[in-house]
């Protein structure tokens, strides 16, 4: 199962997300759930970096992606980063609605 955790600050901003595991929907190379989650999460990180110039603190290896999102001093840039992250959440929720047996997502306030 793919486990996704979205952490938010007290202000509702996404401050971190963490993805790990494998869906086991199909054999490696044919697993559309893993491919979809990977495309959405890695694509979001790439979009943030290319479109806003913000370099996220990420850790990635096979079956694992973690990203920490620092608040940006420029409010417009911060707003763009958050919009891209919220888009990622919507896309992941769509995947979860169709393939809920293979993906579990938690979206909760940060414990900091």
N, C-alpha and C. Protein backbone atom coordinates (compact mmCIF):
# COMPACT_ATOMS: atom_id res chain seq x y z
N UNK A 1 0.84 -1.18 0.00
CA UNK A 1 0.00 0.00 0.00
C UNK A 1 0.89 1.24 0.00
N UNK A 2 0.44 2.26 -0.73
CA UNK A 2 1.13 3.55 -0.72
C UNK A 2 0.54 4.38 0.41
N UNK A 3 1.42 4.91 1.24
CA UNK A 3 1.01 5.77 2.36
C UNK A 3 1.48 7.19 2.09
N UNK A 4 0.54 8.13 2.20
CA UNK A 4 0.85 9.54 1.94
C UNK A 4 0.45 10.34 3.16
N UNK A 5 1.36 11.19 3.63
CA UNK A 5 1.06 12.08 4.75
C UNK A 5 1.30 13.51 4.29
N UNK A 6 0.28 14.33 4.47
CA UNK A 6 0.37 15.76 4.19
C UNK A 6 0.34 16.47 5.53
N UNK A 7 1.39 17.21 5.85
CA UNK A 7 1.43 17.97 7.11
C UNK A 7 1.22 19.44 6.82
N UNK A 8 0.37 20.05 7.64
CA UNK A 8 0.05 21.46 7.48
C UNK A 8 0.43 22.21 8.75
N UNK A 9 0.79 23.46 8.58
CA UNK A 9 1.05 24.32 9.72
C UNK A 9 -0.26 24.82 10.29
N UNK A 10 -0.17 25.56 11.38
CA UNK A 10 -1.36 26.10 12.04
C UNK A 10 -2.16 27.01 11.11
N UNK A 11 -1.48 27.61 10.13
CA UNK A 11 -2.15 28.50 9.18
C UNK A 11 -2.75 27.76 7.98
N UNK A 12 -2.63 26.44 7.96
CA UNK A 12 -3.19 25.64 6.87
C UNK A 12 -2.25 25.40 5.71
N UNK A 13 -1.08 26.06 5.72
CA UNK A 13 -0.08 25.85 4.67
C UNK A 13 0.45 24.43 4.72
N UNK A 14 0.70 23.86 3.56
CA UNK A 14 1.37 22.56 3.51
C UNK A 14 2.84 22.80 3.80
N UNK A 15 3.36 22.14 4.84
CA UNK A 15 4.75 22.33 5.24
C UNK A 15 5.62 21.11 4.94
N UNK A 16 4.97 19.97 4.66
CA UNK A 16 5.72 18.75 4.38
C UNK A 16 4.78 17.73 3.77
N UNK A 17 5.32 16.91 2.87
CA UNK A 17 4.58 15.71 2.47
C UNK A 17 5.55 14.55 2.37
N UNK A 18 5.00 13.37 2.58
CA UNK A 18 5.80 12.15 2.66
C UNK A 18 5.01 11.05 1.96
N UNK A 19 5.66 10.34 1.05
CA UNK A 19 5.03 9.25 0.31
C UNK A 19 5.94 8.04 0.41
N UNK A 20 5.38 6.89 0.81
CA UNK A 20 6.20 5.68 0.79
C UNK A 20 5.33 4.45 0.55
N UNK A 21 6.00 3.40 0.12
CA UNK A 21 5.33 2.13 -0.13
C UNK A 21 5.06 1.90 -1.61
N UNK A 22 4.48 0.76 -1.88
CA UNK A 22 4.12 0.35 -3.24
C UNK A 22 2.68 -0.12 -3.23
N UNK A 23 1.96 0.17 -4.28
CA UNK A 23 0.54 -0.16 -4.33
C UNK A 23 0.30 -1.66 -4.43
N UNK A 24 1.15 -2.38 -5.14
CA UNK A 24 0.94 -3.80 -5.41
C UNK A 24 -0.33 -4.03 -6.22
N UNK A 25 -0.72 -3.02 -7.01
CA UNK A 25 -1.90 -3.14 -7.87
C UNK A 25 -1.62 -4.12 -9.00
N UNK A 26 -0.40 -4.09 -9.52
CA UNK A 26 0.01 -4.97 -10.61
C UNK A 26 1.51 -5.17 -10.49
N UNK A 27 2.07 -5.96 -11.36
CA UNK A 27 3.51 -6.22 -11.30
C UNK A 27 4.29 -4.95 -11.65
N UNK A 28 5.53 -4.95 -11.21
CA UNK A 28 6.40 -3.78 -11.45
C UNK A 28 6.44 -3.47 -12.94
N UNK A 29 6.31 -2.19 -13.24
CA UNK A 29 6.30 -1.75 -14.63
C UNK A 29 4.91 -1.67 -15.23
N UNK A 30 3.93 -2.27 -14.55
CA UNK A 30 2.54 -2.25 -15.02
C UNK A 30 1.60 -1.68 -13.96
N UNK A 31 2.16 -1.22 -12.86
CA UNK A 31 1.35 -0.76 -11.73
C UNK A 31 0.92 0.69 -11.96
N UNK A 32 -0.30 0.88 -12.43
CA UNK A 32 -0.78 2.22 -12.76
C UNK A 32 -1.00 3.09 -11.53
N UNK A 33 -1.25 2.48 -10.38
CA UNK A 33 -1.43 3.27 -9.16
C UNK A 33 -0.10 3.87 -8.73
N UNK A 34 0.95 3.06 -8.69
CA UNK A 34 2.28 3.57 -8.35
C UNK A 34 2.72 4.63 -9.37
N UNK A 35 2.49 4.34 -10.64
CA UNK A 35 2.89 5.28 -11.67
C UNK A 35 2.15 6.61 -11.53
N UNK A 36 0.86 6.54 -11.23
CA UNK A 36 0.07 7.76 -11.07
C UNK A 36 0.53 8.59 -9.89
N UNK A 37 0.74 7.94 -8.75
CA UNK A 37 1.18 8.66 -7.56
C UNK A 37 2.57 9.25 -7.78
N UNK A 38 3.45 8.49 -8.39
CA UNK A 38 4.80 9.00 -8.68
C UNK A 38 4.75 10.19 -9.62
N UNK A 39 3.95 10.09 -10.67
CA UNK A 39 3.86 11.19 -11.64
C UNK A 39 3.33 12.45 -10.97
N UNK A 40 2.32 12.31 -10.13
CA UNK A 40 1.73 13.48 -9.47
C UNK A 40 2.71 14.10 -8.48
N UNK A 41 3.34 13.30 -7.63
CA UNK A 41 4.19 13.86 -6.58
C UNK A 41 5.52 14.38 -7.14
N UNK A 42 6.19 13.61 -7.95
CA UNK A 42 7.46 14.06 -8.53
C UNK A 42 7.19 15.22 -9.49
N UNK A 43 6.10 15.14 -10.24
CA UNK A 43 5.73 16.23 -11.14
C UNK A 43 5.47 17.52 -10.39
N UNK A 44 4.86 17.43 -9.22
CA UNK A 44 4.60 18.62 -8.42
C UNK A 44 5.91 19.25 -7.95
N UNK A 45 6.82 18.43 -7.45
CA UNK A 45 8.13 18.94 -7.02
C UNK A 45 8.83 19.63 -8.19
N UNK A 46 8.82 18.97 -9.35
CA UNK A 46 9.47 19.56 -10.52
C UNK A 46 8.79 20.86 -10.94
N UNK A 47 7.46 20.89 -10.92
CA UNK A 47 6.72 22.09 -11.31
C UNK A 47 7.04 23.25 -10.37
N UNK A 48 7.10 22.97 -9.07
CA UNK A 48 7.44 24.03 -8.10
C UNK A 48 8.82 24.60 -8.41
N UNK A 49 9.78 23.71 -8.64
CA UNK A 49 11.14 24.17 -8.88
C UNK A 49 11.26 24.94 -10.19
N UNK A 50 10.62 24.48 -11.25
CA UNK A 50 10.73 25.14 -12.55
C UNK A 50 9.90 26.42 -12.61
N UNK A 51 8.68 26.37 -12.12
CA UNK A 51 7.76 27.51 -12.28
C UNK A 51 7.95 28.62 -11.25
N UNK A 52 8.47 28.27 -10.07
CA UNK A 52 8.64 29.30 -9.03
C UNK A 52 10.10 29.58 -8.69
N UNK A 53 11.00 28.70 -9.10
CA UNK A 53 12.41 28.86 -8.75
C UNK A 53 12.73 28.42 -7.33
N UNK A 54 11.75 27.88 -6.62
CA UNK A 54 11.96 27.44 -5.24
C UNK A 54 12.49 26.01 -5.26
N UNK A 55 13.63 25.81 -4.59
CA UNK A 55 14.20 24.47 -4.46
C UNK A 55 13.71 23.86 -3.14
N UNK A 56 12.95 22.79 -3.25
CA UNK A 56 12.45 22.13 -2.05
C UNK A 56 13.52 21.22 -1.45
N UNK A 57 13.44 21.02 -0.15
CA UNK A 57 14.31 20.07 0.52
C UNK A 57 13.65 18.70 0.38
N UNK A 58 14.16 17.90 -0.57
CA UNK A 58 13.54 16.60 -0.85
C UNK A 58 14.50 15.46 -0.61
N UNK A 59 13.92 14.32 -0.32
CA UNK A 59 14.64 13.06 -0.22
C UNK A 59 13.84 12.07 -1.05
N UNK A 60 14.54 11.35 -1.94
CA UNK A 60 13.83 10.44 -2.83
C UNK A 60 14.67 9.19 -3.07
N UNK A 61 14.00 8.05 -3.05
CA UNK A 61 14.58 6.79 -3.48
C UNK A 61 13.42 5.93 -3.94
N UNK A 62 13.68 4.75 -4.41
CA UNK A 62 12.64 3.87 -4.93
C UNK A 62 11.53 3.66 -3.89
N UNK A 63 10.33 4.09 -4.21
CA UNK A 63 9.19 3.90 -3.31
C UNK A 63 9.11 4.90 -2.17
N UNK A 64 9.87 6.00 -2.26
CA UNK A 64 9.88 6.97 -1.15
C UNK A 64 10.14 8.36 -1.69
N UNK A 65 9.35 9.33 -1.22
CA UNK A 65 9.59 10.74 -1.52
C UNK A 65 9.13 11.55 -0.32
N UNK A 66 9.99 12.43 0.12
CA UNK A 66 9.65 13.33 1.22
C UNK A 66 10.10 14.73 0.82
N UNK A 67 9.24 15.72 1.11
CA UNK A 67 9.58 17.11 0.77
C UNK A 67 9.18 18.02 1.92
N UNK A 68 10.10 18.89 2.29
CA UNK A 68 9.83 19.93 3.29
C UNK A 68 9.67 21.24 2.55
N UNK A 69 8.64 21.99 2.91
CA UNK A 69 8.33 23.24 2.23
C UNK A 69 8.46 24.40 3.20
N UNK A 70 9.46 25.22 3.00
CA UNK A 70 9.67 26.40 3.84
C UNK A 70 8.81 27.54 3.32
N UNK A 71 8.32 28.40 4.23
CA UNK A 71 7.58 29.57 3.76
C UNK A 71 8.52 30.48 2.97
N UNK A 72 8.01 31.07 1.92
CA UNK A 72 8.80 31.96 1.09
C UNK A 72 8.60 33.40 1.56
N UNK A 73 9.66 34.19 1.50
CA UNK A 73 9.57 35.58 1.94
C UNK A 73 8.69 36.40 1.01
N UNK A 74 8.66 36.02 -0.26
CA UNK A 74 7.79 36.70 -1.23
C UNK A 74 6.42 36.03 -1.20
N UNK A 75 5.39 36.80 -0.81
CA UNK A 75 4.03 36.24 -0.64
C UNK A 75 3.49 35.68 -1.94
N UNK A 76 3.79 36.29 -3.08
CA UNK A 76 3.29 35.79 -4.36
C UNK A 76 3.89 34.43 -4.68
N UNK A 77 5.19 34.27 -4.47
CA UNK A 77 5.85 32.99 -4.71
C UNK A 77 5.30 31.93 -3.76
N UNK A 78 5.14 32.29 -2.49
CA UNK A 78 4.61 31.35 -1.51
C UNK A 78 3.21 30.89 -1.92
N UNK A 79 2.41 31.80 -2.39
CA UNK A 79 1.05 31.48 -2.83
C UNK A 79 1.07 30.51 -4.02
N UNK A 80 1.99 30.70 -4.94
CA UNK A 80 2.11 29.81 -6.10
C UNK A 80 2.54 28.41 -5.67
N UNK A 81 3.51 28.34 -4.76
CA UNK A 81 3.97 27.05 -4.25
C UNK A 81 2.81 26.31 -3.59
N UNK A 82 2.05 27.02 -2.76
CA UNK A 82 0.93 26.39 -2.07
C UNK A 82 -0.17 25.95 -3.05
N UNK A 83 -0.42 26.73 -4.08
CA UNK A 83 -1.41 26.36 -5.08
C UNK A 83 -1.01 25.06 -5.78
N UNK A 84 0.25 24.96 -6.15
CA UNK A 84 0.73 23.72 -6.79
C UNK A 84 0.61 22.53 -5.84
N UNK A 85 0.92 22.73 -4.57
CA UNK A 85 0.80 21.66 -3.58
C UNK A 85 -0.66 21.26 -3.37
N UNK A 86 -1.55 22.24 -3.31
CA UNK A 86 -2.98 21.92 -3.14
C UNK A 86 -3.50 21.17 -4.37
N UNK A 87 -3.00 21.53 -5.54
CA UNK A 87 -3.35 20.77 -6.75
C UNK A 87 -2.91 19.33 -6.65
N UNK A 88 -1.71 19.12 -6.10
CA UNK A 88 -1.22 17.76 -5.89
C UNK A 88 -2.16 16.98 -4.98
N UNK A 89 -2.61 17.61 -3.90
CA UNK A 89 -3.52 16.94 -2.96
C UNK A 89 -4.81 16.53 -3.67
N UNK A 90 -5.37 17.41 -4.48
CA UNK A 90 -6.60 17.08 -5.21
C UNK A 90 -6.37 15.89 -6.14
N UNK A 91 -5.25 15.89 -6.86
CA UNK A 91 -4.95 14.77 -7.76
C UNK A 91 -4.78 13.46 -7.00
N UNK A 92 -4.10 13.51 -5.86
CA UNK A 92 -3.92 12.30 -5.05
C UNK A 92 -5.26 11.82 -4.49
N UNK A 93 -6.13 12.74 -4.09
CA UNK A 93 -7.46 12.35 -3.62
C UNK A 93 -8.25 11.68 -4.73
N UNK A 94 -8.10 12.14 -5.96
CA UNK A 94 -8.78 11.51 -7.10
C UNK A 94 -8.30 10.08 -7.31
N UNK A 95 -7.00 9.88 -7.20
CA UNK A 95 -6.45 8.52 -7.32
C UNK A 95 -6.98 7.66 -6.18
N UNK A 96 -7.00 8.21 -4.97
CA UNK A 96 -7.48 7.46 -3.81
C UNK A 96 -8.95 7.07 -3.97
N UNK A 97 -9.77 7.94 -4.54
CA UNK A 97 -11.18 7.63 -4.74
C UNK A 97 -11.36 6.42 -5.65
N UNK A 98 -10.51 6.30 -6.65
CA UNK A 98 -10.62 5.19 -7.59
C UNK A 98 -9.90 3.92 -7.14
N UNK A 99 -8.83 4.09 -6.37
CA UNK A 99 -7.98 2.94 -5.99
C UNK A 99 -7.71 2.94 -4.49
N UNK A 100 -8.75 3.16 -3.69
CA UNK A 100 -8.62 3.28 -2.25
C UNK A 100 -8.02 2.09 -1.54
N UNK A 101 -8.12 0.92 -2.13
CA UNK A 101 -7.53 -0.27 -1.50
C UNK A 101 -6.01 -0.28 -1.60
N UNK A 102 -5.45 0.60 -2.42
CA UNK A 102 -4.01 0.60 -2.67
C UNK A 102 -3.30 1.86 -2.20
N UNK A 103 -4.05 2.83 -1.72
CA UNK A 103 -3.47 4.10 -1.32
C UNK A 103 -4.20 4.64 -0.09
N UNK A 104 -3.44 5.10 0.89
CA UNK A 104 -4.01 5.71 2.09
C UNK A 104 -3.37 7.07 2.27
N UNK A 105 -4.21 8.10 2.42
CA UNK A 105 -3.68 9.44 2.55
C UNK A 105 -4.21 10.09 3.81
N UNK A 106 -3.29 10.72 4.56
CA UNK A 106 -3.64 11.49 5.74
C UNK A 106 -3.27 12.94 5.47
N UNK A 107 -4.19 13.84 5.75
CA UNK A 107 -3.97 15.26 5.56
C UNK A 107 -4.31 15.92 6.89
N UNK A 108 -3.30 16.31 7.64
CA UNK A 108 -3.56 16.81 9.00
C UNK A 108 -2.61 17.93 9.38
N UNK A 109 -3.03 18.71 10.39
CA UNK A 109 -2.16 19.80 10.87
C UNK A 109 -0.84 19.26 11.42
N UNK A 110 0.18 20.08 11.32
CA UNK A 110 1.49 19.71 11.82
C UNK A 110 1.47 19.64 13.34
N UNK A 111 2.29 18.76 13.88
CA UNK A 111 2.36 18.62 15.34
C UNK A 111 3.41 19.56 15.94
N UNK A 112 4.01 20.41 15.10
CA UNK A 112 5.04 21.33 15.58
C UNK A 112 4.43 22.42 16.42
